[in-house]
Amino acid sequence: MDCIMKSLLSALLTLTCVLTARAQLHTEMIEYKQGDTVLEGYLACDRSIKGKRPAVLIAHQWKGLTEYEKGRAEMLAKLGYVAFALDMYGKDIRPKNSQEAGAQAGQYKRDRQLLRARARAGLAVLKKYELTDTNRIAAIGYCFGGTTVIELARSGADIAGVVSFHGGLDSPTPEDGRNIKCKVLVLHGADDPFVPAKDLAAFEDEMRQSKVDWQLVKYGGAVHSFTERNAGDNHLDGAAYNGKADRRSWEAMRQFFAEVFK
């Protein structure tokens, strides 16, 4: 009986600690604008930490701001960062399927200036947040969001670094690589069929020619969307979750942040 009671007390204590930790996690939806377009992003931070701290901008995949990006924001908040998951498409524009997502993402991939403007609008929200250390900001992005944060860097944004998770690497204006002021980390599925070899080679050449401080990590056996559990596990589809690549890429991001935020 004593063992049972001790186990119950231990479980209760654990649950109390978890609930306390959750109570300190602050989240909110923030409405903002880029031009005449109303946008709505998701902010997360740990209110138990005092004072300003490094901040991370999160750019979503092609289906828009979803629970996936919100979850990543909360993970970053628990690591001690202010995290803001931006909205590229507009408030309430959330594609319901791949066809709608492709149409939305395509608009911005064809208009890189608009893509950059939307990304910079999200960055402005994060910079204005009261707990953000504006000298220590980075941006991360998934798939379409990976393209977004690299374009943010190409726009000359004054940030510490960008991290692309299985993002598109093509650029219609590779000379814009000369505008990059920050460090760049690309986390790439070695077997990703949606990033052609020519795009990968062109990206590497752009980074070299522009003398950017860059890193490219390839994960063997990983295809597109390797961090997204809802991508399934069929690699033959070209997009699938890969647990090892997910864990390793997250750790690579953490090490990158330790360097750029020091």
C-alpha atoms as a PDB file:
ATOM      1  CA  MET A   1       0.000   0.000   0.000  1.00  0.00           C
ATOM      2  CA  ASP A   2       2.862   2.357   0.893  1.00  0.00           C
ATOM      3  CA  CYS A   3       4.403   1.766  -2.533  1.00  0.00           C
ATOM      4  CA  ILE A   4       1.101   2.558  -4.217  1.00  0.00           C
ATOM      5  CA  MET A   5       0.703   5.758  -2.215  1.00  0.00           C
ATOM      6  CA  LYS A   6       4.262   6.821  -3.022  1.00  0.00           C
ATOM      7  CA  SER A   7       3.647   6.161  -6.713  1.00  0.00           C
ATOM      8  CA  LEU A   8       0.430   8.179  -6.630  1.00  0.00           C
ATOM      9  CA  LEU A   9       2.123  11.066  -4.835  1.00  0.00           C
ATOM     10  CA  SER A  10       4.992  10.996  -7.303  1.00  0.00           C
ATOM     11  CA  ALA A  11       2.575  11.040 -10.237  1.00  0.00           C
ATOM     12  CA  LEU A  12       0.636  13.908  -8.649  1.00  0.00           C
ATOM     13  CA  LEU A  13       3.836  15.886  -8.090  1.00  0.00           C
ATOM     14  CA  THR A  14       4.871  15.319 -11.702  1.00  0.00           C
ATOM     15  CA  LEU A  15       1.458  16.423 -12.944  1.00  0.00           C
ATOM     16  CA  THR A  16       1.612  19.525 -10.732  1.00  0.00           C
ATOM     17  CA  CYS A  17       5.022  20.435 -12.142  1.00  0.00           C
ATOM     18  CA  VAL A  18       3.761  19.970 -15.683  1.00  0.00           C
ATOM     19  CA  LEU A  19       0.682  22.107 -15.058  1.00  0.00           C
ATOM     20  CA  THR A  20       2.809  24.784 -13.410  1.00  0.00           C
ATOM     21  CA  ALA A  21       5.157  24.835 -16.377  1.00  0.00           C
ATOM     22  CA  ARG A  22       2.226  25.084 -18.746  1.00  0.00           C
ATOM     23  CA  ALA A  23       0.720  27.919 -16.721  1.00  0.00           C
ATOM     24  CA  GLN A  24       3.907  29.940 -17.313  1.00  0.00           C
ATOM     25  CA  LEU A  25       3.729  29.474 -21.073  1.00  0.00           C
ATOM     26  CA  HIS A  26       2.087  32.542 -22.559  1.00  0.00           C
ATOM     27  CA  THR A  27       0.525  32.324 -26.025  1.00  0.00           C
ATOM     28  CA  GLU A  28      -1.523  34.790 -28.026  1.00  0.00           C
ATOM     29  CA  MET A  29      -2.778  35.468 -31.521  1.00  0.00           C
ATOM     30  CA  ILE A  30      -1.538  38.809 -32.849  1.00  0.00           C
ATOM     31  CA  GLU A  31      -3.271  40.624 -35.677  1.00  0.00           C
ATOM     32  CA  TYR A  32      -1.124  42.852 -37.871  1.00  0.00           C
ATOM     33  CA  LYS A  33      -0.975  44.172 -41.420  1.00  0.00           C
ATOM     34  CA  GLN A  34       1.256  44.239 -44.467  1.00  0.00           C
ATOM     35  CA  GLY A  35      -0.035  46.951 -46.743  1.00  0.00           C
ATOM     36  CA  ASP A  36      -3.816  46.514 -46.818  1.00  0.00           C
ATOM     37  CA  THR A  37      -3.700  42.809 -45.979  1.00  0.00           C
ATOM     38  CA  VAL A  38      -4.728  41.747 -42.480  1.00  0.00           C
ATOM     39  CA  LEU A  39      -2.546  38.956 -41.097  1.00  0.00           C
ATOM     40  CA  GLU A  40      -2.652  36.953 -37.877  1.00  0.00           C
ATOM     41  CA  GLY A  41       0.310  35.228 -36.265  1.00  0.00           C
ATOM     42  CA  TYR A  42       0.916  33.190 -33.114  1.00  0.00           C
ATOM     43  CA  LEU A  43       3.293  34.249 -30.341  1.00  0.00           C
ATOM     44  CA  ALA A  44       4.633  32.090 -27.519  1.00  0.00           C
ATOM     45  CA  CYS A  45       6.996  32.837 -24.650  1.00  0.00           C
ATOM     46  CA  ASP A  46       7.758  31.692 -21.122  1.00  0.00           C
ATOM     47  CA  ARG A  47       6.628  34.397 -18.701  1.00  0.00           C
ATOM     48  CA  SER A  48       8.628  32.868 -15.855  1.00  0.00           C
ATOM     49  CA  ILE A  49      11.809  34.152 -17.506  1.00  0.00           C
ATOM     50  CA  LYS A  50      12.566  37.726 -16.578  1.00  0.00           C
ATOM     51  CA  GLY A  51      13.731  40.358 -18.999  1.00  0.00           C
ATOM     52  CA  LYS A  52      14.373  40.363 -22.716  1.00  0.00           C
ATOM     53  CA  ARG A  53      15.642  37.263 -24.470  1.00  0.00           C
ATOM     54  CA  PRO A  54      16.562  35.989 -27.984  1.00  0.00           C
ATOM     55  CA  ALA A  55      13.649  35.619 -30.378  1.00  0.00           C
ATOM     56  CA  VAL A  56      12.790  33.340 -33.278  1.00  0.00           C
ATOM     57  CA  LEU A  57      10.530  34.063 -36.229  1.00  0.00           C
ATOM     58  CA  ILE A  58       8.808  30.985 -37.701  1.00  0.00           C
ATOM     59  CA  ALA A  59       7.678  30.810 -41.328  1.00  0.00           C
ATOM     60  CA  HIS A  60       5.033  28.199 -42.106  1.00  0.00           C
ATOM     61  CA  GLN A  61       4.834  25.478 -44.747  1.00  0.00           C
ATOM     62  CA  TRP A  62       2.580  25.804 -47.789  1.00  0.00           C
ATOM     63  CA  LYS A  63      -0.699  25.116 -45.963  1.00  0.00           C
ATOM     64  CA  GLY A  64      -0.350  28.297 -43.949  1.00  0.00           C
ATOM     65  CA  LEU A  65      -0.203  28.832 -40.208  1.00  0.00           C
ATOM     66  CA  THR A  66      -1.336  25.579 -38.572  1.00  0.00           C
ATOM     67  CA  GLU A  67      -1.087  23.764 -35.258  1.00  0.00           C
ATOM     68  CA  TYR A  68       2.278  22.454 -36.453  1.00  0.00           C
ATOM     69  CA  GLU A  69       3.923  25.896 -36.414  1.00  0.00           C
ATOM     70  CA  LYS A  70       2.147  26.792 -33.181  1.00  0.00           C
ATOM     71  CA  GLY A  71       3.611  23.673 -31.611  1.00  0.00           C
ATOM     72  CA  ARG A  72       7.087  24.597 -32.792  1.00  0.00           C
ATOM     73  CA  ALA A  73       6.613  28.091 -31.336  1.00  0.00           C
ATOM     74  CA  GLU A  74       5.745  26.556 -27.968  1.00  0.00           C
ATOM     75  CA  MET A  75       8.777  24.261 -28.149  1.00  0.00           C
ATOM     76  CA  LEU A  76      10.990  27.279 -28.737  1.00  0.00           C
ATOM     77  CA  ALA A  77       9.318  29.196 -25.920  1.00  0.00           C
ATOM     78  CA  LYS A  78      10.118  26.334 -23.549  1.00  0.00           C
ATOM     79  CA  LEU A  79      13.770  26.655 -24.595  1.00  0.00           C
ATOM     80  CA  GLY A  80      13.685  30.262 -23.413  1.00  0.00           C
ATOM     81  CA  TYR A  81      13.019  32.141 -26.652  1.00  0.00           C
ATOM     82  CA  VAL A  82      10.259  34.472 -27.722  1.00  0.00           C
ATOM     83  CA  ALA A  83       8.740  32.764 -30.766  1.00  0.00           C
ATOM     84  CA  PHE A  84       6.423  34.257 -33.347  1.00  0.00           C
ATOM     85  CA  ALA A  85       4.850  32.141 -36.088  1.00  0.00           C
ATOM     86  CA  LEU A  86       4.016  34.602 -38.845  1.00  0.00           C
ATOM     87  CA  ASP A  87       1.183  34.527 -41.355  1.00  0.00           C
ATOM     88  CA  MET A  88       2.153  34.795 -45.025  1.00  0.00           C
ATOM     89  CA  TYR A  89      -1.278  34.442 -46.628  1.00  0.00           C
ATOM     90  CA  GLY A  90      -3.712  36.571 -44.631  1.00  0.00           C
ATOM     91  CA  LYS A  91      -6.039  36.102 -41.680  1.00  0.00           C
ATOM     92  CA  ASP A  92      -8.368  33.115 -42.186  1.00  0.00           C
ATOM     93  CA  ILE A  93      -6.645  32.055 -45.433  1.00  0.00           C
ATOM     94  CA  ARG A  94      -5.745  28.485 -44.577  1.00  0.00           C
ATOM     95  CA  PRO A  95      -5.574  26.106 -47.565  1.00  0.00           C
ATOM     96  CA  LYS A  96      -7.622  22.950 -47.082  1.00  0.00           C
ATOM     97  CA  ASN A  97      -5.731  20.743 -49.546  1.00  0.00           C
ATOM     98  CA  SER A  98      -2.594  20.517 -51.638  1.00  0.00           C
ATOM     99  CA  GLN A  99      -4.213  22.194 -54.628  1.00  0.00           C
ATOM    100  CA  GLU A 100      -5.178  25.269 -52.603  1.00  0.00           C
ATOM    101  CA  ALA A 101      -1.810  25.285 -50.857  1.00  0.00           C
ATOM    102  CA  GLY A 102       0.040  25.152 -54.159  1.00  0.00           C
ATOM    103  CA  ALA A 103      -1.973  28.062 -55.499  1.00  0.00           C
ATOM    104  CA  GLN A 104      -1.246  30.183 -52.434  1.00  0.00           C
ATOM    105  CA  ALA A 105       2.448  29.363 -52.171  1.00  0.00           C
ATOM    106  CA  GLY A 106       2.880  29.807 -55.913  1.00  0.00           C
ATOM    107  CA  GLN A 107       1.785  33.439 -55.731  1.00  0.00           C
ATOM    108  CA  TYR A 108       4.630  34.286 -53.394  1.00  0.00           C
ATOM    109  CA  LYS A 109       7.267  32.151 -55.053  1.00  0.00           C
ATOM    110  CA  ARG A 110       6.529  34.005 -58.292  1.00  0.00           C
ATOM    111  CA  ASP A 111       6.601  37.380 -56.529  1.00  0.00           C
ATOM    112  CA  ARG A 112       9.663  37.317 -54.306  1.00  0.00           C
ATOM    113  CA  GLN A 113       9.334  40.985 -53.384  1.00  0.00           C
ATOM    114  CA  LEU A 114       5.866  40.349 -51.947  1.00  0.00           C
ATOM    115  CA  LEU A 115       7.171  37.248 -50.172  1.00  0.00           C
ATOM    116  CA  ARG A 116       9.932  39.316 -48.596  1.00  0.00           C
ATOM    117  CA  ALA A 117       7.516  42.070 -47.609  1.00  0.00           C
ATOM    118  CA  ARG A 118       5.248  39.577 -45.819  1.00  0.00           C
ATOM    119  CA  ALA A 119       8.219  38.056 -44.016  1.00  0.00           C
ATOM    120  CA  ARG A 120       9.501  41.468 -42.963  1.00  0.00           C
ATOM    121  CA  ALA A 121       6.039  42.397 -41.653  1.00  0.00           C
ATOM    122  CA  GLY A 122       6.164  39.359 -39.357  1.00  0.00           C
ATOM    123  CA  LEU A 123       9.697  40.257 -38.317  1.00  0.00           C
ATOM    124  CA  ALA A 124       8.513  43.750 -37.393  1.00  0.00           C
ATOM    125  CA  VAL A 125       5.901  42.288 -35.021  1.00  0.00           C
ATOM    126  CA  LEU A 126       8.537  40.161 -33.298  1.00  0.00           C
ATOM    127  CA  LYS A 127      10.940  43.102 -32.995  1.00  0.00           C
ATOM    128  CA  LYS A 128       8.255  45.248 -31.349  1.00  0.00           C
ATOM    129  CA  TYR A 129       7.351  42.638 -28.741  1.00  0.00           C
ATOM    130  CA  GLU A 130       8.332  43.842 -25.270  1.00  0.00           C
ATOM    131  CA  LEU A 131      10.403  40.772 -24.336  1.00  0.00           C
ATOM    132  CA  THR A 132      12.388  40.544 -27.576  1.00  0.00           C
ATOM    133  CA  ASP A 133      16.106  41.275 -27.541  1.00  0.00           C
ATOM    134  CA  THR A 134      16.259  42.959 -30.951  1.00  0.00           C
ATOM    135  CA  ASN A 135      19.998  42.274 -31.221  1.00  0.00           C
ATOM    136  CA  ARG A 136      19.385  38.520 -31.072  1.00  0.00           C
ATOM    137  CA  ILE A 137      16.758  37.440 -33.583  1.00  0.00           C
ATOM    138  CA  ALA A 138      16.782  34.459 -35.936  1.00  0.00           C
ATOM    139  CA  ALA A 139      14.235  33.026 -38.359  1.00  0.00           C
ATOM    140  CA  ILE A 140      13.363  29.420 -39.157  1.00  0.00           C
ATOM    141  CA  GLY A 141      11.054  28.001 -41.793  1.00  0.00           C
ATOM    142  CA  TYR A 142       9.611  24.720 -42.997  1.00  0.00           C
ATOM    143  CA  CYS A 143       9.239  23.800 -46.701  1.00  0.00           C
ATOM    144  CA  PHE A 144       7.729  26.969 -48.239  1.00  0.00           C
ATOM    145  CA  GLY A 145       8.777  28.643 -44.999  1.00  0.00           C
ATOM    146  CA  GLY A 146      12.372  27.588 -45.604  1.00  0.00           C
ATOM    147  CA  THR A 147      12.258  29.461 -48.900  1.00  0.00           C
ATOM    148  CA  THR A 148      10.715  32.388 -47.037  1.00  0.00           C
ATOM    149  CA  VAL A 149      13.438  32.785 -44.421  1.00  0.00           C
ATOM    150  CA  ILE A 150      16.201  32.532 -47.019  1.00  0.00           C
ATOM    151  CA  GLU A 151      14.460  35.246 -49.019  1.00  0.00           C
ATOM    152  CA  LEU A 152      14.231  37.274 -45.814  1.00  0.00           C
ATOM    153  CA  ALA A 153      18.010  36.966 -45.527  1.00  0.00           C
ATOM    154  CA  ARG A 154      18.423  37.872 -49.213  1.00  0.00           C
ATOM    155  CA  SER A 155      16.409  41.022 -48.556  1.00  0.00           C
ATOM    156  CA  GLY A 156      19.185  42.222 -46.253  1.00  0.00           C
ATOM    157  CA  ALA A 157      17.252  41.766 -43.007  1.00  0.00           C
ATOM    158  CA  ASP A 158      19.256  42.688 -39.934  1.00  0.00           C
ATOM    159  CA  ILE A 159      19.025  39.405 -38.044  1.00  0.00           C
ATOM    160  CA  ALA A 160      21.513  36.931 -36.591  1.00  0.00           C
ATOM    161  CA  GLY A 161      20.683  33.851 -38.632  1.00  0.00           C
ATOM    162  CA  VAL A 162      18.177  31.825 -40.620  1.00  0.00           C
ATOM    163  CA  VAL A 163      17.459  28.095 -40.615  1.00  0.00           C
ATOM    164  CA  SER A 164      15.678  26.313 -43.471  1.00  0.00           C
ATOM    165  CA  PHE A 165      14.110  22.914 -42.791  1.00  0.00           C
ATOM    166  CA  HIS A 166      13.511  21.035 -46.076  1.00  0.00           C
ATOM    167  CA  GLY A 167      12.957  24.331 -47.877  1.00  0.00           C
ATOM    168  CA  GLY A 168      13.158  25.318 -51.524  1.00  0.00           C
ATOM    169  CA  LEU A 169      16.536  26.858 -52.357  1.00  0.00           C
ATOM    170  CA  ASP A 170      15.971  28.336 -55.818  1.00  0.00           C
ATOM    171  CA  SER A 171      16.359  32.039 -56.505  1.00  0.00           C
ATOM    172  CA  PRO A 172      15.374  34.085 -59.585  1.00  0.00           C
ATOM    173  CA  THR A 173      17.958  36.697 -58.489  1.00  0.00           C
ATOM    174  CA  PRO A 174      20.998  34.878 -57.077  1.00  0.00           C
ATOM    175  CA  GLU A 175      22.936  38.140 -57.034  1.00  0.00           C
ATOM    176  CA  ASP A 176      20.765  39.080 -54.042  1.00  0.00           C
ATOM    177  CA  GLY A 177      22.894  36.714 -52.009  1.00  0.00           C
ATOM    178  CA  ARG A 178      25.237  39.677 -51.633  1.00  0.00           C
ATOM    179  CA  ASN A 179      22.617  41.305 -49.380  1.00  0.00           C
ATOM    180  CA  ILE A 180      22.794  38.548 -46.782  1.00  0.00           C
ATOM    181  CA  LYS A 181      24.117  39.857 -43.462  1.00  0.00           C
ATOM    182  CA  CYS A 182      23.388  36.845 -41.282  1.00  0.00           C
ATOM    183  CA  LYS A 183      24.524  33.250 -40.935  1.00  0.00           C
ATOM    184  CA  VAL A 184      22.620  30.619 -42.893  1.00  0.00           C
ATOM    185  CA  LEU A 185      21.888  26.999 -41.963  1.00  0.00           C
ATOM    186  CA  VAL A 186      20.126  24.711 -44.444  1.00  0.00           C
ATOM    187  CA  LEU A 187      18.830  21.351 -43.161  1.00  0.00           C
ATOM    188  CA  HIS A 188      18.055  19.217 -46.185  1.00  0.00           C
ATOM    189  CA  GLY A 189      16.763  15.742 -46.969  1.00  0.00           C
ATOM    190  CA  ALA A 190      19.457  14.076 -49.067  1.00  0.00           C
ATOM    191  CA  ASP A 191      16.773  12.269 -51.099  1.00  0.00           C
ATOM    192  CA  ASP A 192      14.342  15.209 -51.435  1.00  0.00           C
ATOM    193  CA  PRO A 193      12.944  14.978 -54.993  1.00  0.00           C
ATOM    194  CA  PHE A 194      11.352  18.434 -54.806  1.00  0.00           C
ATOM    195  CA  VAL A 195      14.676  20.266 -54.652  1.00  0.00           C
ATOM    196  CA  PRO A 196      16.437  19.588 -57.971  1.00  0.00           C
ATOM    197  CA  ALA A 197      20.205  19.056 -57.972  1.00  0.00           C
ATOM    198  CA  LYS A 198      20.601  22.179 -60.109  1.00  0.00           C
ATOM    199  CA  ASP A 199      18.879  24.291 -57.442  1.00  0.00           C
ATOM    200  CA  LEU A 200      21.109  22.852 -54.747  1.00  0.00           C
ATOM    201  CA  ALA A 201      24.224  23.543 -56.823  1.00  0.00           C
ATOM    202  CA  ALA A 202      23.052  27.067 -57.665  1.00  0.00           C
ATOM    203  CA  PHE A 203      22.376  27.793 -53.994  1.00  0.00           C
ATOM    204  CA  GLU A 204      25.831  26.626 -52.975  1.00  0.00           C
ATOM    205  CA  ASP A 205      27.380  28.757 -55.702  1.00  0.00           C
ATOM    206  CA  GLU A 206      25.326  31.773 -54.593  1.00  0.00           C
ATOM    207  CA  MET A 207      26.532  31.372 -51.015  1.00  0.00           C
ATOM    208  CA  ARG A 208      30.167  31.024 -52.102  1.00  0.00           C
ATOM    209  CA  GLN A 209      30.082  33.929 -54.529  1.00  0.00           C
ATOM    210  CA  SER A 210      28.387  36.127 -51.915  1.00  0.00           C
ATOM    211  CA  LYS A 211      30.846  35.065 -49.189  1.00  0.00           C
ATOM    212  CA  VAL A 212      28.037  34.133 -46.807  1.00  0.00           C
ATOM    213  CA  ASP A 213      28.724  32.259 -43.563  1.00  0.00           C
ATOM    214  CA  TRP A 214      26.639  29.207 -44.487  1.00  0.00           C
ATOM    215  CA  GLN A 215      26.171  25.543 -43.656  1.00  0.00           C
ATOM    216  CA  LEU A 216      24.338  22.780 -45.508  1.00  0.00           C
ATOM    217  CA  VAL A 217      23.480  19.553 -43.690  1.00  0.00           C
ATOM    218  CA  LYS A 218      22.064  16.618 -45.657  1.00  0.00           C
ATOM    219  CA  TYR A 219      20.211  13.805 -43.892  1.00  0.00           C
ATOM    220  CA  GLY A 220      20.605  10.440 -45.553  1.00  0.00           C
ATOM    221  CA  GLY A 221      17.363   8.601 -46.278  1.00  0.00           C
ATOM    222  CA  ALA A 222      15.281  11.735 -45.671  1.00  0.00           C
ATOM    223  CA  VAL A 223      12.946  13.214 -48.274  1.00  0.00           C
ATOM    224  CA  HIS A 224      10.802  16.349 -48.253  1.00  0.00           C
ATOM    225  CA  SER A 225       8.839  17.301 -45.092  1.00  0.00           C
ATOM    226  CA  PHE A 226      11.036  15.123 -42.883  1.00  0.00           C
ATOM    227  CA  THR A 227      10.083  17.082 -39.730  1.00  0.00           C
ATOM    228  CA  GLU A 228       6.314  16.818 -40.220  1.00  0.00           C
ATOM    229  CA  ARG A 229       4.599  13.794 -38.680  1.00  0.00           C
ATOM    230  CA  ASN A 230       1.456  14.314 -40.747  1.00  0.00           C
ATOM    231  CA  ALA A 231       3.524  13.782 -43.916  1.00  0.00           C
ATOM    232  CA  GLY A 232       3.212  10.012 -43.422  1.00  0.00           C
ATOM    233  CA  ASP A 233       5.966   7.444 -43.799  1.00  0.00           C
ATOM    234  CA  ASN A 234       5.882   6.542 -47.493  1.00  0.00           C
ATOM    235  CA  HIS A 235       9.184   7.833 -48.895  1.00  0.00           C
ATOM    236  CA  LEU A 236       8.047   6.938 -52.395  1.00  0.00           C
ATOM    237  CA  ASP A 237       5.651   9.888 -52.220  1.00  0.00           C
ATOM    238  CA  GLY A 238       8.659  12.196 -52.018  1.00  0.00           C
ATOM    239  CA  ALA A 239       7.454  13.683 -48.722  1.00  0.00           C
ATOM    240  CA  ALA A 240       7.552  11.697 -45.475  1.00  0.00           C
ATOM    241  CA  TYR A 241       8.364  12.040 -41.803  1.00  0.00           C
ATOM    242  CA  ASN A 242      11.794  10.870 -40.663  1.00  0.00           C
ATOM    243  CA  GLY A 243      12.244  10.727 -36.908  1.00  0.00           C
ATOM    244  CA  LYS A 244      16.043  10.696 -36.934  1.00  0.00           C
ATOM    245  CA  ALA A 245      16.272  13.624 -39.326  1.00  0.00           C
ATOM    246  CA  ASP A 246      13.662  15.513 -37.300  1.00  0.00           C
ATOM    247  CA  ARG A 247      15.598  15.080 -34.041  1.00  0.00           C
ATOM    248  CA  ARG A 248      18.997  15.721 -35.594  1.00  0.00           C
ATOM    249  CA  SER A 249      17.871  18.839 -37.438  1.00  0.00           C
ATOM    250  CA  TRP A 250      16.278  20.295 -34.299  1.00  0.00           C
ATOM    251  CA  GLU A 251      19.519  19.723 -32.409  1.00  0.00           C
ATOM    252  CA  ALA A 252      21.489  21.308 -35.275  1.00  0.00           C
ATOM    253  CA  MET A 253      19.228  24.353 -34.997  1.00  0.00           C
ATOM    254  CA  ARG A 254      19.814  24.550 -31.245  1.00  0.00           C
ATOM    255  CA  GLN A 255      23.574  24.452 -31.717  1.00  0.00           C
ATOM    256  CA  PHE A 256      23.300  27.115 -34.424  1.00  0.00           C
ATOM    257  CA  PHE A 257      21.329  29.350 -32.054  1.00  0.00           C
ATOM    258  CA  ALA A 258      23.939  28.848 -29.324  1.00  0.00           C
ATOM    259  CA  GLU A 259      26.481  30.240 -31.780  1.00  0.00           C
ATOM    260  CA  VAL A 260      24.552  33.149 -33.279  1.00  0.00           C
ATOM    261  CA  PHE A 261      22.982  34.281 -30.000  1.00  0.00           C
ATOM    262  CA  LYS A 262      26.096  34.091 -27.819  1.00  0.00           C
END
